[in-house]
C-alpha cells in the first residue's frame, strides 16, 4: 500500500465519521443508558406496530456488521435488504437512506469498520400480534418504497441542494417530523408537518408562521441545530436533545445553514388543521 493510499483511506474514514454523525447513526444505535457503548445497538423504538430494537453496527463478525461486504452495506441502506435476504422493517429509515450517494455510504462503512468490534447480542423485535414478520416487511416495501438516488435541482443553488440532501436523505428528518398513515407510510402531503412519533409530539418544521418555524430566521435554525436553543430561549428536550448532541451539533455551520435554507423554502403545512 502506498503512502498516498494510506492517506486517502484516512481521509475516507474522517469523512465517514462526519457522515455517521450527519446520518444520526449514533443516536439510534446506542442504548439510552449512562454506560451504553456507542453503536452497539439495543435502543428501543416504540411504534404502533410493536417495539423495535436497533442492531449492533460495530464491526463484530458475530453480532455486528463485521462480515458485511460493501455491496451488503449498500443493499441494506439503499434497498432495505439484509445480507441474508431478509427485508427490513421501515423502523430502519432505508426509505430515506436510499437517496444517499454510494461514495458517502462507503465512507460511513469505512469509518464503522475502523472502530473496535464489540460482541453484543441485541434482542429481537417485539412485534404487535397482527404483524406477520417477513411478509409484513416485504408487503410494506412493495406498497410504499421507491429506491433512487438524490437528484439535485438544477434551478436551485448549491446550498439549497445540500440542505435538501441532508434533510431528505442523510439526516432523514421526515422519518420523525412527518405523520404516517395507518400502515406506517409517510404522508407526503404533510411532509415535515409534525407527528406523534413513539408517543412523543414531534413539531412541525415547515415555514408555517403559526404551526411551524416560519418566524425563525435561518440563523435561528442554525443556532438551534448547534446548541438546541429556540429563539425564545427554551432548550429542547426528549429525543431531539439526543439528535442535537449526537448529530447536528457535529455538523459544520455551513451544513446547518444549508439545512436552514432548505427548511425555509419548503411549502407551509398547517398542522392544526389535521
Protein backbone atom coordinates (compact mmCIF):
# COMPACT_ATOMS: atom_id res chain seq x y z
CA UNK A 1 0.00 0.00 0.00
CA UNK A 2 1.37 3.40 -0.98
CA UNK A 3 1.63 6.39 1.33
CA UNK A 4 -1.00 8.10 -0.83
CA UNK A 5 -3.50 5.25 -0.43
CA UNK A 6 -2.98 5.21 3.35
CA UNK A 7 -3.65 8.95 3.42
CA UNK A 8 -6.68 8.52 1.17
CA UNK A 9 -8.04 5.79 3.45
CA UNK A 10 -7.62 8.02 6.49
CA UNK A 11 -9.37 10.84 4.68
CA UNK A 12 -12.24 8.49 3.80
CA UNK A 13 -12.53 7.39 7.43
CA UNK A 14 -12.52 11.02 8.61
CA UNK A 15 -15.25 11.89 6.12
CA UNK A 16 -17.13 8.76 7.13
CA UNK A 17 -17.05 9.84 10.78
CA UNK A 18 -18.62 13.17 9.84
CA UNK A 19 -21.29 11.46 7.73
CA UNK A 20 -22.02 8.99 10.54
CA UNK A 21 -22.90 11.92 12.78
CA UNK A 22 -24.92 13.55 9.99
CA UNK A 23 -26.88 10.35 9.39
CA UNK A 24 -27.90 10.02 13.03
CA UNK A 25 -26.34 6.58 13.41
CA UNK A 26 -25.04 7.18 16.94
CA UNK A 27 -28.36 8.31 18.41
CA UNK A 28 -30.35 5.38 17.06
CA UNK A 29 -27.75 2.64 17.51
CA UNK A 30 -26.82 3.41 21.12
CA UNK A 31 -28.91 2.39 24.11
CA UNK A 32 -30.34 5.07 26.39
CA UNK A 33 -28.24 4.35 29.45
CA UNK A 34 -25.23 6.03 31.04
CA UNK A 35 -22.94 3.04 30.48
CA UNK A 36 -24.08 2.24 26.93
CA UNK A 37 -21.35 1.62 24.37
CA UNK A 38 -21.71 3.68 21.22
CA UNK A 39 -23.16 2.00 18.13
CA UNK A 40 -23.69 -1.39 19.83
CA UNK A 41 -27.44 -1.25 19.30
CA UNK A 42 -30.30 -2.11 21.59
CA UNK A 43 -32.12 1.23 21.58
CA UNK A 44 -35.86 0.61 21.85
CA UNK A 45 -38.17 2.27 19.33
CA UNK A 46 -41.84 2.27 20.27
CA UNK A 47 -44.26 2.21 17.32
CA UNK A 48 -47.93 1.26 16.75
CA UNK A 49 -46.61 -1.94 15.18
CA UNK A 50 -44.52 -3.09 18.11
CA UNK A 51 -41.23 -2.40 19.83
CA UNK A 52 -38.18 -2.40 17.58
CA UNK A 53 -34.58 -2.67 18.76
CA UNK A 54 -31.73 -1.21 16.76
CA UNK A 55 -28.86 -3.54 15.81
CA UNK A 56 -25.20 -3.55 16.73
CA UNK A 57 -23.32 -1.84 13.88
CA UNK A 58 -19.79 -2.25 15.20
CA UNK A 59 -17.54 -4.47 13.02
CA UNK A 60 -18.02 -7.56 15.17
CA UNK A 61 -18.24 -10.61 12.91
CA UNK A 62 -20.81 -12.43 15.02
CA UNK A 63 -23.16 -9.81 16.44
CA UNK A 64 -22.39 -6.75 14.33
CA UNK A 65 -21.68 -5.99 10.67
CA UNK A 66 -18.06 -7.16 10.52
CA UNK A 67 -18.81 -9.82 7.90
CA UNK A 68 -20.64 -7.43 5.58
CA UNK A 69 -19.21 -6.62 2.17
CA UNK A 70 -19.51 -3.21 0.54
CA UNK A 71 -22.43 -4.49 -1.52
CA UNK A 72 -24.12 -5.87 1.60
CA UNK A 73 -23.88 -2.45 3.23
CA UNK A 74 -25.19 -0.62 0.16
CA UNK A 75 -28.07 -3.08 -0.27
CA UNK A 76 -29.09 -2.69 3.37
CA UNK A 77 -29.10 1.09 3.40
CA UNK A 78 -30.38 1.78 -0.10
CA UNK A 79 -32.80 -1.12 -0.52
CA UNK A 80 -33.67 -2.33 2.97
CA UNK A 81 -32.42 -5.88 2.45
CA UNK A 82 -30.09 -7.70 4.84
CA UNK A 83 -27.12 -9.82 3.67
CA UNK A 84 -29.29 -12.92 4.19
CA UNK A 85 -32.09 -11.53 2.02
CA UNK A 86 -34.42 -10.52 4.85
CA UNK A 87 -36.43 -7.36 4.28
CA UNK A 88 -36.00 -4.73 6.98
CA UNK A 89 -38.95 -3.06 8.66
CA UNK A 90 -39.31 0.67 7.92
CA UNK A 91 -38.26 1.46 11.50
CA UNK A 92 -34.87 1.38 9.76
CA UNK A 93 -35.04 4.52 7.57
CA UNK A 94 -33.81 2.95 4.33
CA UNK A 95 -36.66 4.72 2.50
CA UNK A 96 -34.76 7.95 3.21
CA UNK A 97 -31.25 6.49 3.03
CA UNK A 98 -31.92 5.22 -0.49
CA UNK A 99 -31.05 8.71 -1.73
CA UNK A 100 -27.58 8.78 -0.15
CA UNK A 101 -24.69 8.71 -2.62
CA UNK A 102 -22.80 5.42 -2.82
CA UNK A 103 -19.47 7.07 -2.01
CA UNK A 104 -20.97 8.57 1.15
CA UNK A 105 -22.30 5.20 2.27
CA UNK A 106 -18.94 3.55 1.67
CA UNK A 107 -17.23 6.31 3.68
CA UNK A 108 -19.62 5.60 6.56
CA UNK A 109 -18.80 1.90 6.28
CA UNK A 110 -15.06 2.66 6.28
CA UNK A 111 -15.47 4.63 9.49
CA UNK A 112 -17.59 1.97 11.20
CA UNK A 113 -15.06 -0.71 10.24
CA UNK A 114 -12.24 1.39 11.72
CA UNK A 115 -13.83 1.07 15.17
CA UNK A 116 -13.23 -1.66 17.72
CA UNK A 117 -15.68 -4.55 17.33
CA UNK A 118 -18.00 -5.14 20.27
CA UNK A 119 -19.61 -8.53 20.75
CA UNK A 120 -23.12 -7.73 21.92
CA UNK A 121 -26.35 -9.51 21.11
CA UNK A 122 -29.47 -7.40 20.69
CA UNK A 123 -32.95 -8.70 21.45
CA UNK A 124 -35.47 -9.48 18.74
CA UNK A 125 -38.22 -7.07 17.79
CA UNK A 126 -41.41 -7.41 19.83
CA UNK A 127 -43.99 -7.12 17.07
CA UNK A 128 -47.69 -6.44 17.54
CA UNK A 129 -49.82 -9.57 17.24
CA UNK A 130 -51.22 -8.52 13.84
CA UNK A 131 -47.81 -8.19 12.17
CA UNK A 132 -46.61 -11.31 10.28
CA UNK A 133 -42.87 -10.58 10.36
CA UNK A 134 -41.34 -11.39 6.97
CA UNK A 135 -44.48 -10.90 4.91
CA UNK A 136 -45.30 -7.56 6.53
CA UNK A 137 -41.90 -6.03 5.77
CA UNK A 138 -41.97 -7.23 2.16
CA UNK A 139 -45.56 -6.09 1.66
CA UNK A 140 -44.93 -2.66 3.12
CA UNK A 141 -41.98 -2.19 0.83
CA UNK A 142 -43.96 -3.26 -2.25
CA UNK A 143 -46.60 -0.64 -1.48
CA UNK A 144 -44.51 2.25 -0.22
CA UNK A 145 -40.85 2.07 -1.20
CA UNK A 146 -39.28 3.55 -4.31
CA UNK A 147 -35.47 3.34 -4.48
CA UNK A 148 -33.47 6.13 -6.07
CA UNK A 149 -30.52 8.43 -5.54
CA UNK A 150 -30.87 12.11 -4.73
CA UNK A 151 -31.08 14.22 -7.86
CA UNK A 152 -30.01 17.86 -7.40
CA UNK A 153 -32.42 20.53 -8.62
CA UNK A 154 -30.60 22.49 -11.31
CA UNK A 155 -32.83 25.51 -10.69
CA UNK A 156 -31.60 25.78 -7.10
CA UNK A 157 -28.23 26.74 -5.68
CA UNK A 158 -25.56 24.60 -4.08
CA UNK A 159 -26.61 25.40 -0.51
CA UNK A 160 -30.27 24.54 -1.15
CA UNK A 161 -29.35 21.23 -2.75
CA UNK A 162 -27.01 20.39 0.10
CA UNK A 163 -29.77 21.18 2.56
CA UNK A 164 -32.26 19.05 0.65
CA UNK A 165 -29.81 16.13 0.65
CA UNK A 166 -29.21 16.45 4.40
CA UNK A 167 -32.88 16.86 5.33
CA UNK A 168 -34.47 14.33 2.96
CA UNK A 169 -31.85 11.63 2.96
CA UNK A 170 -28.76 11.72 5.16
CA UNK A 171 -30.44 13.33 8.17
CA UNK A 172 -33.80 11.65 7.37
CA UNK A 173 -35.70 14.40 9.22
CA UNK A 174 -39.02 13.35 7.73
CA UNK A 175 -38.89 9.96 9.42
CA UNK A 176 -39.80 11.67 12.70
CA UNK A 177 -41.22 15.03 11.62
CA UNK A 178 -43.76 13.66 9.09
CA UNK A 179 -47.01 11.99 10.13
CA UNK A 180 -47.72 8.44 8.94
CA UNK A 181 -50.84 6.73 7.68
CA UNK A 182 -52.44 3.60 9.13
CA UNK A 183 -49.84 1.29 7.57
CA UNK A 184 -46.87 3.37 8.66
CA UNK A 185 -46.11 5.12 5.37
CA UNK A 186 -45.11 8.78 5.46
CA UNK A 187 -47.89 11.16 4.46
CA UNK A 188 -46.08 13.12 1.76
CA UNK A 189 -48.77 15.80 1.63
CA UNK A 190 -47.90 16.58 5.26
CA UNK A 191 -44.12 16.41 4.83
CA UNK A 192 -42.26 17.78 7.86
CA UNK A 193 -45.57 18.99 9.27
CA UNK A 194 -45.13 17.29 12.63
CA UNK A 195 -46.17 13.92 14.00
CA UNK A 196 -46.67 11.78 17.04
CA UNK A 197 -43.64 9.51 16.98
CA UNK A 198 -43.34 6.80 19.62
CA UNK A 199 -45.82 8.64 21.83
CA UNK A 200 -43.81 11.86 21.57
CA UNK A 201 -45.13 15.01 19.90
CA UNK A 202 -42.68 15.94 17.15
CA UNK A 203 -43.03 19.54 15.90
CA UNK A 204 -43.93 20.98 12.55
CA UNK A 205 -40.72 22.28 10.93
CA UNK A 206 -42.25 23.76 7.80
CA UNK A 207 -42.22 27.58 7.46
CA UNK A 208 -45.83 27.94 8.62
CA UNK A 209 -45.85 31.15 10.71
CA UNK A 210 -48.03 29.72 13.49
CA UNK A 211 -47.77 25.94 13.47
CA UNK A 212 -44.22 25.70 12.18
CA UNK A 213 -40.96 27.62 12.32
CA UNK A 214 -41.87 30.36 9.86
CA UNK A 215 -40.95 33.09 12.34
CA UNK A 216 -37.46 31.66 12.82
CA UNK A 217 -34.63 33.14 10.78
CA UNK A 218 -32.08 30.92 9.08
CA UNK A 219 -29.63 31.88 11.81
CA UNK A 220 -32.20 30.89 14.46
CA UNK A 221 -32.48 27.45 12.89
CA UNK A 222 -28.73 27.05 12.58
CA UNK A 223 -28.18 28.03 16.22
CA UNK A 224 -30.91 25.65 17.37
CA UNK A 225 -29.24 22.80 15.48
CA UNK A 226 -25.94 23.68 17.15
CA UNK A 227 -26.96 24.02 20.80
CA UNK A 228 -30.68 23.14 20.95
CA UNK A 229 -31.94 26.59 21.96
CA UNK A 230 -35.00 28.08 20.28
CA UNK A 231 -35.34 31.83 19.56
CA UNK A 232 -37.37 32.31 22.76
CA UNK A 233 -34.55 30.89 24.87
CA UNK A 234 -36.02 27.46 25.62
CA UNK A 235 -33.85 24.38 25.23
CA UNK A 236 -35.17 21.29 23.52
CA UNK A 237 -35.62 18.06 25.42
CA UNK A 238 -36.67 14.46 24.74
CA UNK A 239 -35.29 12.73 21.65
CA UNK A 240 -34.38 15.97 19.86
CA UNK A 241 -31.83 16.70 22.57
CA UNK A 242 -30.08 13.46 21.58
CA UNK A 243 -30.24 14.48 17.92
CA UNK A 244 -28.57 17.80 18.76
CA UNK A 245 -25.89 16.13 20.90
CA UNK A 246 -25.10 13.22 18.57
CA UNK A 247 -25.89 14.66 15.17
CA UNK A 248 -26.48 18.29 14.24
CA UNK A 249 -24.05 19.88 16.72
CA UNK A 250 -21.26 17.99 14.93
CA UNK A 251 -22.13 19.44 11.53
CA UNK A 252 -20.30 22.40 10.06
CA UNK A 253 -22.05 25.74 10.29
CA UNK A 254 -22.24 25.71 6.51
CA UNK A 255 -24.21 22.47 6.55
CA UNK A 256 -26.52 23.67 9.32
CA UNK A 257 -27.21 26.84 7.33
CA UNK A 258 -27.90 24.71 4.26
CA UNK A 259 -30.50 22.79 6.28
CA UNK A 260 -31.99 26.08 7.42
CA UNK A 261 -32.17 27.46 3.88
CA UNK A 262 -33.93 24.34 2.66
CA UNK A 263 -36.45 24.29 5.53
CA UNK A 264 -37.32 27.94 4.91
CA UNK A 265 -38.07 27.14 1.26
CA UNK A 266 -40.48 24.21 1.57
CA UNK A 267 -44.29 24.52 1.46
CA UNK A 268 -46.00 25.58 4.66
CA UNK A 269 -48.18 22.99 6.39
CA UNK A 270 -50.94 23.91 8.81
CA UNK A 271 -50.74 21.04 11.26
CA UNK A 272 -53.54 22.46 13.44
CA UNK A 273 -55.97 21.70 10.60
CA UNK A 274 -55.36 17.93 10.76
